[in-house]
Amino acid sequence: MTTHHIDPRVADVDLLSPEAVADPYPALALLREHDPVHWSTKYRSWFVTRYDDVDEALRDPRFSSDRITPYRRAKLDGPDADPGVRAAFGVLEDWMVFKDPPDHTRLRKLLSRAFTPRAVDRMRPRVAELADELLDGVLAAGTGRADLIHDYAYPLTASVIAEMLGVPRRDHPRFKDWSDQITGLVFGGMGDPNRHVTGANGMAELTEYLTELVREHERNPADDLLSALISARDEGDALSQDEVISTGVLLLFAGHETTTNLIGSGLLALLRRPDQRALLAADPSLVGSAVDELLRYDGPAKSVARVMAEDVELRGRRLRRGQRVFLCTAAANRDPAVFEAPDRLDITRRQGRHLGFGVGLHYCLGAPLARLEASVAIPRALERLPELAPAEDRLRWHPVLLTRGLIEFPVRFAAR
């Protein structure tokens, strides 16, 4: 049993309260200042919020990424477990992001060639073409209104990763529903008691689709990621058949979910700060530092979940083997010990290194692709949609612990 004195100022902090879902930063600042290694009885988890602690823990193998296997063994191996939920967690168990070395090393090495900065940069013209196609459609509607998640950020990022994998274009729209269903399963939607069953249904349909797509690629190999995974499977069993399917699911899900949220939140932050928007418009060469600042300021990664592989002492607290820990990258990215005026958006910021893509072994493999997509999509929308502004003051955010993203982003602009 974990017990320690709880500072009364943080006793009631709930990172899934409506207020904290809408704006998590005041609650995270309270934890960071008054109880930086905080035990939540509600979520039966530790929350770590200071930059130095999060940075170090992300590199520490005692904070294990393998959180799916222990959960499956404890909750899903019994006769009463839902077989669909068990199957869904079986797919997650093969995801590279939920593995420690040596399996993580093996899977990451196979995928890393497709996501080098040089390989990704070759896609810049296609990303720009897709962005313009989508903005053409928004403008052609003639209403002066759009949803920048559903009409722009999601179809852009989903199309890019789907094309990389070799998914036929006619099937791209199907992935939105599957992705929405899986989100609660992966990102900790603890406020939704049905998230496991909902996620299992989406996972089953997506897995069935990909299994058939693998068969098609076996018959007709192409120059795409799925054919490369199949080739790796056939050359010395570097990948199992299950890992081919699971990795395809991971790439389709992770390959758009995070960047969709980055584009949406990034555009919102710039619309709320006209001075920073004007700065970017006046000097497009700032786009690289702007994307990094948007990742730091209100990025898509709210926290990273780990499970303790052994007992660890941290700031006088004992984190015990088997306990879950949320390493709050969103709190770390606004730590005043590292970033000057951390609650201010400054696209010229140079000091400090944000943790928006993680660090160490699990540094985001898709970071070059996410940077490319955001650096094209954000300036393009600001440039092509005149007098762009949020259409609503109260926006809805996904109520989950691990990620931060808008459910929808209604905007208005001057119809021409």
Protein backbone atom coordinates (compact mmCIF):
# COMPACT_ATOMS: atom_id res chain seq x y z
CA MET A 1 0.00 0.00 0.00
CA THR A 2 1.40 3.41 -0.99
CA THR A 3 0.89 6.08 1.67
CA HIS A 4 2.38 9.50 2.26
CA HIS A 5 1.25 12.92 3.36
CA ILE A 6 -0.64 14.70 0.56
CA ASP A 7 -0.28 18.46 0.38
CA PRO A 8 -3.82 19.87 0.74
CA ARG A 9 -3.20 22.13 -2.25
CA VAL A 10 -3.02 19.09 -4.56
CA ALA A 11 -5.34 16.68 -2.78
CA ASP A 12 -8.20 17.40 -5.17
CA VAL A 13 -6.19 17.60 -8.40
CA ASP A 14 -7.85 15.45 -11.07
CA LEU A 15 -6.26 15.59 -14.52
CA LEU A 16 -9.48 14.31 -16.10
CA SER A 17 -11.80 16.87 -14.53
CA PRO A 18 -13.60 18.98 -17.17
CA GLU A 19 -11.43 21.98 -16.25
CA ALA A 20 -8.17 20.03 -16.53
CA VAL A 21 -9.19 18.40 -19.82
CA ALA A 22 -9.91 21.87 -21.25
CA ASP A 23 -6.66 23.32 -19.84
CA PRO A 24 -4.36 20.91 -17.96
CA TYR A 25 -1.59 23.42 -17.26
CA PRO A 26 -2.83 25.02 -13.98
CA ALA A 27 -3.34 21.56 -12.42
CA LEU A 28 0.04 20.34 -13.70
CA ALA A 29 1.72 23.48 -12.31
CA LEU A 30 0.20 22.81 -8.88
CA LEU A 31 1.59 19.27 -8.90
CA ARG A 32 4.97 20.38 -10.21
CA GLU A 33 5.35 23.02 -7.50
CA HIS A 34 3.84 21.31 -4.46
CA ASP A 35 3.96 17.52 -5.02
CA PRO A 36 6.20 16.72 -8.02
CA VAL A 37 6.02 12.96 -7.40
CA HIS A 38 2.31 12.64 -6.70
CA TRP A 39 0.33 9.50 -5.84
CA SER A 40 -3.27 9.60 -7.17
CA THR A 41 -5.58 7.28 -5.27
CA LYS A 42 -8.24 7.79 -7.95
CA TYR A 43 -6.02 6.51 -10.78
CA ARG A 44 -3.81 4.28 -8.59
CA SER A 45 -0.80 5.82 -10.31
CA TRP A 46 2.14 8.13 -9.76
CA PHE A 47 2.32 11.45 -11.61
CA VAL A 48 5.84 12.88 -12.13
CA THR A 49 5.89 16.52 -13.27
CA ARG A 50 9.35 18.17 -13.01
CA TYR A 51 11.51 18.35 -16.13
CA ASP A 52 14.65 16.77 -14.68
CA ASP A 53 12.70 13.85 -13.19
CA VAL A 54 10.70 13.19 -16.38
CA ASP A 55 13.80 13.48 -18.57
CA GLU A 56 15.75 11.05 -16.38
CA ALA A 57 12.88 8.57 -16.00
CA LEU A 58 12.33 8.41 -19.76
CA ARG A 59 15.94 7.15 -20.06
CA ASP A 60 15.79 4.81 -17.05
CA PRO A 61 15.08 1.12 -17.88
CA ARG A 62 13.54 0.66 -14.43
CA PHE A 63 10.62 2.73 -15.77
CA SER A 64 9.47 -0.01 -18.18
CA SER A 65 7.52 0.56 -21.41
CA ASP A 66 6.10 -2.97 -21.19
CA ARG A 67 2.81 -2.03 -19.55
CA ILE A 68 0.51 -4.15 -21.73
CA THR A 69 1.79 -7.63 -20.80
CA PRO A 70 1.39 -7.15 -17.00
CA TYR A 71 -2.12 -5.76 -17.50
CA ARG A 72 -3.12 -8.61 -19.79
CA ARG A 73 -1.80 -11.23 -17.36
CA ALA A 74 -3.51 -9.62 -14.36
CA LYS A 75 -6.85 -8.74 -15.94
CA LEU A 76 -7.41 -10.68 -19.16
CA ASP A 77 -6.05 -14.21 -18.75
CA GLY A 78 -8.97 -15.44 -16.66
CA PRO A 79 -12.03 -17.28 -18.01
CA ASP A 80 -14.32 -14.26 -17.41
CA ALA A 81 -12.33 -11.87 -19.60
CA ASP A 82 -13.93 -10.57 -22.79
CA PRO A 83 -12.21 -12.46 -25.66
CA GLY A 84 -12.43 -9.40 -27.93
CA VAL A 85 -10.68 -7.19 -25.36
CA ARG A 86 -8.06 -9.91 -24.83
CA ALA A 87 -7.43 -10.04 -28.60
CA ALA A 88 -7.14 -6.23 -28.78
CA PHE A 89 -4.53 -6.21 -26.01
CA GLY A 90 -2.74 -9.02 -27.86
CA VAL A 91 -2.30 -6.62 -30.80
CA LEU A 92 -1.09 -3.82 -28.49
CA GLU A 93 1.38 -6.24 -26.89
CA ASP A 94 3.24 -6.44 -30.22
CA TRP A 95 3.49 -2.65 -30.61
CA MET A 96 7.08 -1.44 -30.54
CA VAL A 97 6.17 1.43 -28.18
CA PHE A 98 5.08 -1.07 -25.51
CA LYS A 99 8.28 -3.11 -25.64
CA ASP A 100 11.66 -2.93 -23.93
CA PRO A 101 14.94 -4.10 -25.50
CA PRO A 102 15.77 -6.43 -27.16
CA ASP A 103 12.36 -6.66 -28.93
CA HIS A 104 12.05 -2.87 -29.10
CA THR A 105 15.52 -2.60 -30.66
CA ARG A 106 14.74 -5.24 -33.30
CA LEU A 107 11.42 -3.70 -34.36
CA ARG A 108 12.69 -0.11 -34.32
CA LYS A 109 15.68 -1.00 -36.50
CA LEU A 110 13.37 -2.50 -39.13
CA LEU A 111 11.23 0.66 -39.30
CA SER A 112 13.82 3.37 -38.82
CA ARG A 113 14.97 3.49 -42.46
CA ALA A 114 11.53 4.66 -43.60
CA PHE A 115 11.52 7.61 -41.17
CA THR A 116 14.97 9.17 -41.56
CA PRO A 117 14.88 12.94 -42.18
CA ARG A 118 16.19 12.38 -45.72
CA ALA A 119 13.57 9.73 -46.55
CA VAL A 120 10.79 11.85 -45.08
CA ASP A 121 11.87 15.05 -46.82
CA ARG A 122 11.27 13.39 -50.21
CA MET A 123 7.58 13.44 -49.27
CA ARG A 124 7.40 17.23 -48.87
CA PRO A 125 5.87 17.87 -52.34
CA ARG A 126 3.18 15.22 -51.74
CA VAL A 127 2.33 16.63 -48.30
CA ALA A 128 2.01 20.13 -49.80
CA GLU A 129 -0.16 18.76 -52.63
CA LEU A 130 -2.51 17.01 -50.19
CA ALA A 131 -2.73 20.14 -47.99
CA ASP A 132 -3.70 22.28 -50.98
CA GLU A 133 -6.27 19.72 -52.20
CA LEU A 134 -7.96 19.76 -48.79
CA LEU A 135 -7.88 23.56 -48.50
CA ASP A 136 -9.26 23.83 -52.05
CA GLY A 137 -12.20 21.71 -50.87
CA VAL A 138 -12.75 23.85 -47.76
CA LEU A 139 -12.70 27.05 -49.84
CA ALA A 140 -14.87 25.61 -52.62
CA ALA A 141 -17.67 24.87 -50.12
CA GLY A 142 -18.21 28.65 -49.98
CA THR A 143 -19.59 28.64 -46.42
CA GLY A 144 -16.71 30.42 -44.69
CA ARG A 145 -16.80 27.67 -42.07
CA ALA A 146 -14.89 24.41 -41.56
CA ASP A 147 -13.73 21.91 -38.96
CA LEU A 148 -9.94 21.97 -39.15
CA ILE A 149 -9.66 18.51 -37.55
CA HIS A 150 -12.13 16.60 -39.73
CA ASP A 151 -11.72 18.65 -42.91
CA TYR A 152 -7.97 19.19 -42.82
CA ALA A 153 -5.59 17.89 -40.12
CA TYR A 154 -6.95 14.34 -39.91
CA PRO A 155 -7.39 13.59 -43.65
CA LEU A 156 -3.96 15.08 -44.38
CA THR A 157 -2.01 13.04 -41.83
CA ALA A 158 -4.06 9.87 -42.35
CA SER A 159 -3.56 10.04 -46.12
CA VAL A 160 0.20 10.46 -45.78
CA ILE A 161 0.74 7.41 -43.53
CA ALA A 162 -1.84 5.34 -45.43
CA GLU A 163 -0.06 6.07 -48.72
CA MET A 164 3.30 5.18 -47.14
CA LEU A 165 1.87 1.83 -46.03
CA GLY A 166 0.16 1.10 -49.33
CA VAL A 167 -3.50 1.51 -48.32
CA PRO A 168 -5.77 2.22 -51.33
CA ARG A 169 -7.09 5.79 -51.29
CA ARG A 170 -10.72 4.66 -51.36
CA ASP A 171 -10.21 3.11 -47.91
CA HIS A 172 -8.64 6.14 -46.18
CA PRO A 173 -11.92 7.53 -44.72
CA ARG A 174 -12.58 4.26 -42.86
CA PHE A 175 -9.64 4.78 -40.54
CA LYS A 176 -11.14 7.76 -38.68
CA ASP A 177 -13.83 5.67 -36.96
CA TRP A 178 -11.41 2.86 -36.12
CA SER A 179 -8.88 5.34 -34.77
CA ASP A 180 -11.48 7.12 -32.61
CA GLN A 181 -12.53 3.77 -31.15
CA ILE A 182 -8.96 2.71 -30.35
CA THR A 183 -7.99 6.05 -28.75
CA GLY A 184 -9.46 5.29 -25.32
CA LEU A 185 -7.76 1.89 -25.28
CA VAL A 186 -4.31 3.33 -26.00
CA PHE A 187 -4.37 6.78 -24.40
CA GLY A 188 -6.05 6.15 -21.07
CA GLY A 189 -9.63 7.38 -21.41
CA MET A 190 -10.32 6.40 -17.81
CA GLY A 191 -13.52 8.40 -17.61
CA ASP A 192 -15.19 6.06 -20.13
CA PRO A 193 -16.15 2.68 -18.59
CA ASN A 194 -16.82 1.23 -22.08
CA ARG A 195 -13.46 2.20 -23.57
CA HIS A 196 -12.08 -1.37 -23.64
CA VAL A 197 -15.07 -2.87 -25.44
CA THR A 198 -15.32 0.08 -27.85
CA GLY A 199 -11.58 -0.08 -28.53
CA ALA A 200 -11.68 -3.86 -29.00
CA ASN A 201 -14.37 -3.52 -31.68
CA GLY A 202 -12.32 -0.93 -33.58
CA MET A 203 -9.16 -3.00 -33.20
CA ALA A 204 -10.88 -6.15 -34.50
CA GLU A 205 -12.15 -4.40 -37.64
CA LEU A 206 -8.82 -2.67 -38.33
CA THR A 207 -6.87 -5.91 -37.77
CA GLU A 208 -9.20 -7.82 -40.09
CA TYR A 209 -8.77 -5.12 -42.76
CA LEU A 210 -4.97 -5.18 -42.47
CA THR A 211 -4.82 -8.98 -42.55
CA GLU A 212 -6.57 -8.91 -45.92
CA LEU A 213 -4.31 -6.06 -47.10
CA VAL A 214 -1.23 -8.13 -46.18
CA ARG A 215 -2.59 -11.01 -48.29
CA GLU A 216 -3.03 -8.61 -51.21
CA HIS A 217 0.54 -7.33 -50.79
CA GLU A 218 1.84 -10.91 -50.66
CA ARG A 219 0.26 -11.50 -54.06
CA ASN A 220 1.30 -8.11 -55.48
CA PRO A 221 4.30 -6.57 -53.66
CA ALA A 222 4.77 -2.81 -54.07
CA ASP A 223 7.22 -0.09 -53.10
CA ASP A 224 5.60 0.66 -49.75
CA LEU A 225 6.03 0.05 -46.02
CA LEU A 226 3.69 -2.94 -45.79
CA SER A 227 5.60 -4.81 -48.50
CA ALA A 228 8.84 -3.96 -46.66
CA LEU A 229 7.42 -5.44 -43.42
CA ILE A 230 6.35 -8.60 -45.27
CA SER A 231 9.83 -8.87 -46.76
CA ALA A 232 11.36 -8.55 -43.29
CA ARG A 233 9.05 -11.32 -42.07
CA ASP A 234 10.19 -13.62 -44.87
CA GLU A 235 13.92 -12.93 -44.46
CA GLY A 236 15.04 -14.90 -41.43
CA ASP A 237 11.89 -14.33 -39.37
CA ALA A 238 12.92 -10.82 -38.33
CA LEU A 239 9.17 -10.22 -37.91
CA SER A 240 6.41 -12.68 -37.11
CA GLN A 241 3.11 -12.60 -39.02
CA ASP A 242 1.38 -11.18 -35.92
CA GLU A 243 4.05 -8.48 -35.67
CA VAL A 244 3.51 -7.49 -39.31
CA ILE A 245 -0.20 -6.95 -38.63
CA SER A 246 0.36 -5.24 -35.26
CA THR A 247 3.04 -2.93 -36.67
CA GLY A 248 0.70 -1.98 -39.52
CA VAL A 249 -1.99 -1.11 -36.96
CA LEU A 250 0.54 0.90 -34.91
CA LEU A 251 1.75 2.87 -37.94
CA LEU A 252 -1.78 3.66 -39.14
CA PHE A 253 -2.85 4.78 -35.67
CA ALA A 254 0.28 6.52 -34.34
CA GLY A 255 1.19 7.80 -37.80
CA HIS A 256 -1.67 10.30 -37.82
CA GLU A 257 -3.13 10.60 -34.31
CA THR A 258 -0.30 12.65 -32.80
CA THR A 259 0.26 14.90 -35.80
CA THR A 260 -3.46 15.57 -36.25
CA ASN A 261 -3.44 16.89 -32.68
CA LEU A 262 -0.25 18.89 -33.24
CA ILE A 263 -1.69 20.64 -36.30
CA GLY A 264 -5.00 21.38 -34.56
CA SER A 265 -3.51 22.63 -31.28
CA GLY A 266 -0.75 24.48 -33.13
CA LEU A 267 -3.20 26.39 -35.30
CA LEU A 268 -5.33 27.22 -32.25
CA ALA A 269 -2.31 28.53 -30.31
CA LEU A 270 -1.28 30.80 -33.21
CA LEU A 271 -4.85 32.06 -33.73
CA ARG A 272 -4.97 32.99 -30.04
CA ARG A 273 -1.62 34.79 -30.32
CA PRO A 274 -1.88 37.11 -33.35
CA ASP A 275 1.59 38.55 -32.65
CA GLN A 276 3.19 35.11 -33.08
CA ARG A 277 1.07 34.40 -36.14
CA ALA A 278 2.22 37.68 -37.70
CA LEU A 279 5.83 36.87 -36.85
CA LEU A 280 5.60 33.55 -38.72
CA ALA A 281 3.87 35.16 -41.69
CA ALA A 282 6.60 37.81 -41.90
CA ASP A 283 9.44 35.28 -41.63
CA PRO A 284 8.57 31.79 -42.96
CA SER A 285 12.09 30.60 -42.04
CA LEU A 286 10.86 30.52 -38.42
CA VAL A 287 8.60 27.55 -39.16
CA GLY A 288 11.08 25.00 -37.72
CA SER A 289 11.43 26.75 -34.37
CA ALA A 290 7.66 27.48 -34.44
CA VAL A 291 6.82 23.77 -34.67
CA ASP A 292 9.19 22.99 -31.80
CA GLU A 293 7.66 25.75 -29.68
CA LEU A 294 4.13 24.50 -30.43
CA LEU A 295 5.22 21.01 -29.36
CA ARG A 296 6.53 22.46 -26.10
CA TYR A 297 3.72 24.93 -25.45
CA ASP A 298 0.68 22.69 -26.03
CA GLY A 299 1.89 19.55 -27.74
CA PRO A 300 -0.02 16.31 -28.37
CA ALA A 301 1.82 14.28 -25.69
CA LYS A 302 0.39 15.06 -22.25
CA SER A 303 2.20 12.21 -20.50
CA VAL A 304 3.99 8.91 -21.08
CA ALA A 305 2.92 5.81 -19.14
CA ARG A 306 5.48 3.47 -17.61
CA VAL A 307 5.35 0.51 -15.20
CA MET A 308 7.99 0.15 -12.50
CA ALA A 309 10.25 -2.84 -13.23
CA GLU A 310 11.75 -2.51 -9.73
CA ASP A 311 11.48 -0.25 -6.68
CA VAL A 312 12.86 3.28 -7.17
CA GLU A 313 13.29 6.18 -4.71
CA LEU A 314 12.38 9.56 -6.21
CA ARG A 315 12.19 12.79 -4.17
CA GLY A 316 11.57 10.84 -0.97
CA ARG A 317 8.83 8.67 -2.47
CA ARG A 318 9.15 4.94 -3.05
CA LEU A 319 7.78 3.91 -6.45
CA ARG A 320 7.19 0.18 -6.10
CA ARG A 321 7.65 -2.56 -8.65
CA GLY A 322 4.47 -3.05 -10.71
CA GLN A 323 3.05 0.42 -10.03
CA ARG A 324 2.01 2.63 -12.94
CA VAL A 325 3.68 6.00 -13.47
CA PHE A 326 2.59 8.88 -15.70
CA LEU A 327 5.64 10.92 -16.75
CA CYS A 328 3.94 14.25 -17.44
CA THR A 329 5.82 15.68 -20.42
CA ALA A 330 3.30 18.55 -20.69
CA ALA A 331 4.25 19.64 -17.15
CA ALA A 332 7.97 19.19 -17.84
CA ASN A 333 7.70 21.31 -20.98
CA ARG A 334 6.46 24.24 -18.88
CA ASP A 335 8.92 23.85 -16.01
CA PRO A 336 10.22 27.35 -15.12
CA ALA A 337 13.50 25.75 -13.98
CA VAL A 338 14.23 24.99 -17.65
CA PHE A 339 12.15 27.41 -19.75
CA GLU A 340 11.98 31.16 -19.23
CA ALA A 341 8.36 32.42 -19.07
CA PRO A 342 7.17 28.89 -19.88
CA ASP A 343 3.47 29.78 -20.19
CA ARG A 344 4.22 32.22 -23.01
CA LEU A 345 4.21 31.14 -26.66
CA ASP A 346 7.42 32.35 -28.32
CA ILE A 347 8.19 30.90 -31.75
CA THR A 348 11.71 32.39 -31.62
CA ARG A 349 12.51 30.50 -28.38
CA ARG A 350 15.96 28.94 -28.35
CA GLN A 351 16.70 27.88 -24.77
CA GLY A 352 15.64 24.52 -23.29
CA ARG A 353 14.93 21.22 -25.00
CA HIS A 354 11.28 20.15 -25.03
CA LEU A 355 10.21 16.56 -24.39
CA GLY A 356 7.34 16.63 -26.90
CA PHE A 357 8.77 13.66 -28.80
CA GLY A 358 10.16 11.93 -25.72
CA VAL A 359 13.84 11.15 -25.28
CA GLY A 360 16.17 8.14 -25.22
CA LEU A 361 15.35 4.72 -26.69
CA HIS A 362 11.69 5.61 -27.23
CA TYR A 363 12.25 8.99 -28.88
CA CYS A 364 9.41 9.25 -31.39
CA LEU A 365 10.35 7.35 -34.56
CA GLY A 366 7.92 9.47 -36.58
CA ALA A 367 9.30 12.83 -35.37
CA PRO A 368 10.75 13.81 -38.79
CA LEU A 369 7.40 13.05 -40.47
CA ALA A 370 5.41 14.94 -37.80
CA ARG A 371 7.71 17.97 -38.14
CA LEU A 372 7.37 17.92 -41.93
CA GLU A 373 3.56 17.65 -41.90
CA ALA A 374 3.14 20.38 -39.28
CA SER A 375 5.64 22.70 -40.99
CA VAL A 376 3.64 22.43 -44.22
CA ALA A 377 0.08 22.23 -42.90
CA ILE A 378 0.10 25.03 -40.32
CA PRO A 379 1.49 27.88 -42.49
CA ARG A 380 -0.58 26.69 -45.48
CA ALA A 381 -3.87 26.98 -43.57
CA LEU A 382 -2.96 30.39 -42.11
CA GLU A 383 -1.97 31.65 -45.56
CA ARG A 384 -4.90 30.33 -47.56
CA LEU A 385 -7.88 30.82 -45.21
CA PRO A 386 -8.33 34.62 -44.93
CA GLU A 387 -9.34 36.12 -41.56
CA LEU A 388 -9.20 32.66 -39.98
CA ALA A 389 -10.56 32.52 -36.40
CA PRO A 390 -12.04 29.92 -34.01
CA ALA A 391 -15.82 29.73 -34.44
CA GLU A 392 -16.40 28.79 -30.79
CA ASP A 393 -14.83 29.83 -27.48
CA ARG A 394 -15.50 26.53 -25.70
CA LEU A 395 -13.69 23.78 -27.57
CA ARG A 396 -13.94 20.06 -26.77
CA TRP A 397 -10.76 18.11 -26.02
CA HIS A 398 -10.25 14.33 -25.82
CA PRO A 399 -10.71 13.38 -22.13
CA VAL A 400 -7.61 11.18 -21.82
CA LEU A 401 -4.46 11.21 -19.68
CA LEU A 402 -1.78 10.48 -22.25
CA THR A 403 -2.56 12.78 -25.15
CA ARG A 404 -3.99 16.24 -25.81
CA GLY A 405 -6.05 16.92 -28.88
CA LEU A 406 -9.20 18.67 -30.06
CA ILE A 407 -12.21 16.48 -30.83
CA GLU A 408 -13.18 19.06 -33.43
CA PHE A 409 -11.96 22.55 -34.29
CA PRO A 410 -14.73 24.69 -35.84
CA VAL A 411 -13.40 27.82 -37.53
CA ARG A 412 -14.71 30.68 -39.63
CA PHE A 413 -12.94 32.61 -42.37
CA ALA A 414 -13.76 35.09 -45.10
CA ALA A 415 -15.56 33.25 -47.90
CA ARG A 416 -14.37 34.49 -51.29
